[in-house]
Each structure stands twice: as C-alpha cells, then as structure tokens.
Amino acid sequence: MSAKKKIYIFGAHSRARTLVRYLQYLYPEVEIEAYLYDNEEPNPNYIGEIPVLELNKEAQLHTDYPVYIGTRGIYHPQIAKKLKVLGFEEIHPVTVELDQQLRNAYLKKYLTNTGRSFSKIEQLNDKVEKSAAVYVVRSVFDKALCKPYELAPYEKEIQAGAALTQERLSDEMVTDDTGKHISARNKQFCELTVLYWIWKNAAEDIVGMVHYRRHFILPEDWTERMRRNEVDVILPVPLYVAPSVGDNYRERHDPSDWECMMQYLKENHGGEYSQAEEFFAKNLYSPCNMFIMRKEVLDELCTWLFPILFQAAGYGGEKEDRYQNRYPGFLSERLMSFYFEKHRNRYKVVYADKNFLT
C-alpha cells in the first residue's frame, strides 16, 4: 500500500466489511471511496460514512482507483471482467491466500497492540523460549529528540496518558488505555500509568520500562545472560543523594506526602517500617522508574506498591505545580529501590547504566 491511496471495495456484505476492517487497521493511509455492487440484492446507501454505489455505466467512478473484490471467489472472474469493461485497470481479487495474509497481519498487529502474543502452530518448536519486551514510555506532550533514536529489537513504544487525548503518536504503538488501566491519572502518575498497564496487561515473561529519553545500555545478549545467571531484576545504577534519600525528597518535594507514605507503611506493613526508615536514611536509590524484571516479580512489586501510591495520592490530592503534581512517580522511585533492598536475599538484582537522549 502506498501513502494516501483511495480505493474501492467491491461487495457490501460481511466479506467486504471484514476486508475494510483489515485494510483500515493495517493501512491507516488508505481511504475507502465507496462500496460497489452489481446485483439486485438489497443494499444500504451507506455503511458507516462510506457510500454504497451500484456499478454501471452511469456511475461517476474513478477508474484510476484500485478495486479490491471482497466477495466469494466463484464470482471474482465475472466481476473482474465487468470492472475491466468499465475501464478499471488495478483490480485485486481477495483470494483465499490474500485473505489469509491480511487476517494474520491484522491479528498480529491487534494482539501486539493489546500486549498479547500471536503464536501459530507451525512456529512452535521444542525449544523453550521466553518472550521479553522493554516498554518505552512516550506521550503527546514529549518534546522531540534532537536526533532520531532507533529502538532496540526488544523495545516496544507505548503511549502514556492515552485516555486524556484523542491524539495517537502512531497507529503501531500500544496505548496505556486498553485492558485494565489508570491511564486517566497520567498527569499525576506519569510513567506509572504504563507500569500499571504492564502489570495488568503485558503477556511477556520478562518486562521492562524505560523512557523515550532514557534507555538502558545493555549487551546484545542481555536476555540470555539474565536467564543463564538466574537474574530476577535489572535496575539503573544507583544514584547518590544528600543528605539522605528521605531528606532529599523532603527538600525537593512536599514533605507531607512523604510522611503520608511512611505512615501507610507503619500502619499496613509494620514489620517494614523500621527497615524503610533505615533505608531512607541512607544515600543510594535507583532513579527514573526504570527496570527490567521477570513478570512474576513485577506482579509482586506492583501488588505491594500501588496501594501505597493510591493512599498517598488520595492524601496529597492535585497540586497546582505540574512538576510537583507528579509526586506519586517521585515516591515510587524511592519505594521501588527500598522494595528490592528489602528483598535482596530473595531476588537476584543486577544493575545497568542508562543513557540520556537530548
């Protein structure tokens, strides 16, 4: 399919309508000019906003537009002959093979966009393979990069805050407003709406999250190294902050939100409270809400993490300052670091450097 191409669909019943769905989803640049028919069966005047026109000599049709024949195959020869008589040159009967090609492509794109995998029996073998995806968070509010960045094969872009806008960054991109989600809370929860989406919807065995400006610097065989060495989690190399992790937060953000978070830990995770105080009195944490981990580990993390963040957000409410309003995201950086310190004997955690793109 070439850019901005108008086409006709011959047929106006289920096969033709299914064909239109495939084509419009796979090729958003394609515009359906009209459905065509040449029989006496009852047909509507419009299907959606697309007109349904009878094919005859009086019809004012653009014979330079391609026609896709979406009817039973036994009718294709006679329909193609009639189209040629009227002057159409580019005619595409939707054969069983073409239908299969479109159907597979549609399903693969659709399932990918909802965080699911598409496997076929002939693609399976007796070697156990684990899927991995690092979700790259983007939003319509992001500034453009000075230089284009080429995604790594394992990276998959996802649009954050998609519930807050009708604008879509790409028809290929996963959005965080599908399945179970908190996309509408993106102004406060920032990239955490994607974290929540990954928790509830992602199907990969190993999942990660990075930012469109910040990516992990990884060896090409990082998945194999992770599996071979039984690594559970990859985090950014920790950052040193002063005077301490807790006091650094209090100095830069609303200290009452921090106290609310600590109070929640005290009331609901009493055994963790003293551990949290000790950790937050030190100076190292992994910033940016970046990670790669086994999906089972992420499920356990998020089950613990989000109730704390929801409580803090309920207490702190909306803040006028757009930057400070993102405090659930700032809290989560510290909480995630504490979680893996607390479980350092349970999970094998390694670190990776990250870049920053301008």
Foldseek 3Di string as FASTA:
>chain_A
DDAQAEAEEEDQDDQRVVVVVLCCLVPVRYHYQAYEYADDDDDDQDDPNHGYYYDDLPDPDDLAHEYEYRDPPVCVVVVVVSSVVSPRDHYHYCDPVNVVVSVVVSVQLVQVLQQHHDDDPVPDDPDDDFAEAEEAEDEPPDDDFPDDDDDDPRYAYEYALCVVDVDDPDSSHHYLPPDDFDRPCCLAQPCVRVLVSCLGTHDGQKYKYAYPFKDFDDPPCRVVVCVVVVAFKEFADKDFDPPFQLVVCVVVAPNVLVVQLLVCCCVPVVVCNVVLVVRRNHTIFGDDRTMMGGSVVSNVLCVPLPVSLVRSCVVVPADPDSVNSNVSRVVVRSVVRSVCVVCVVPGHYHYTHMGGTD
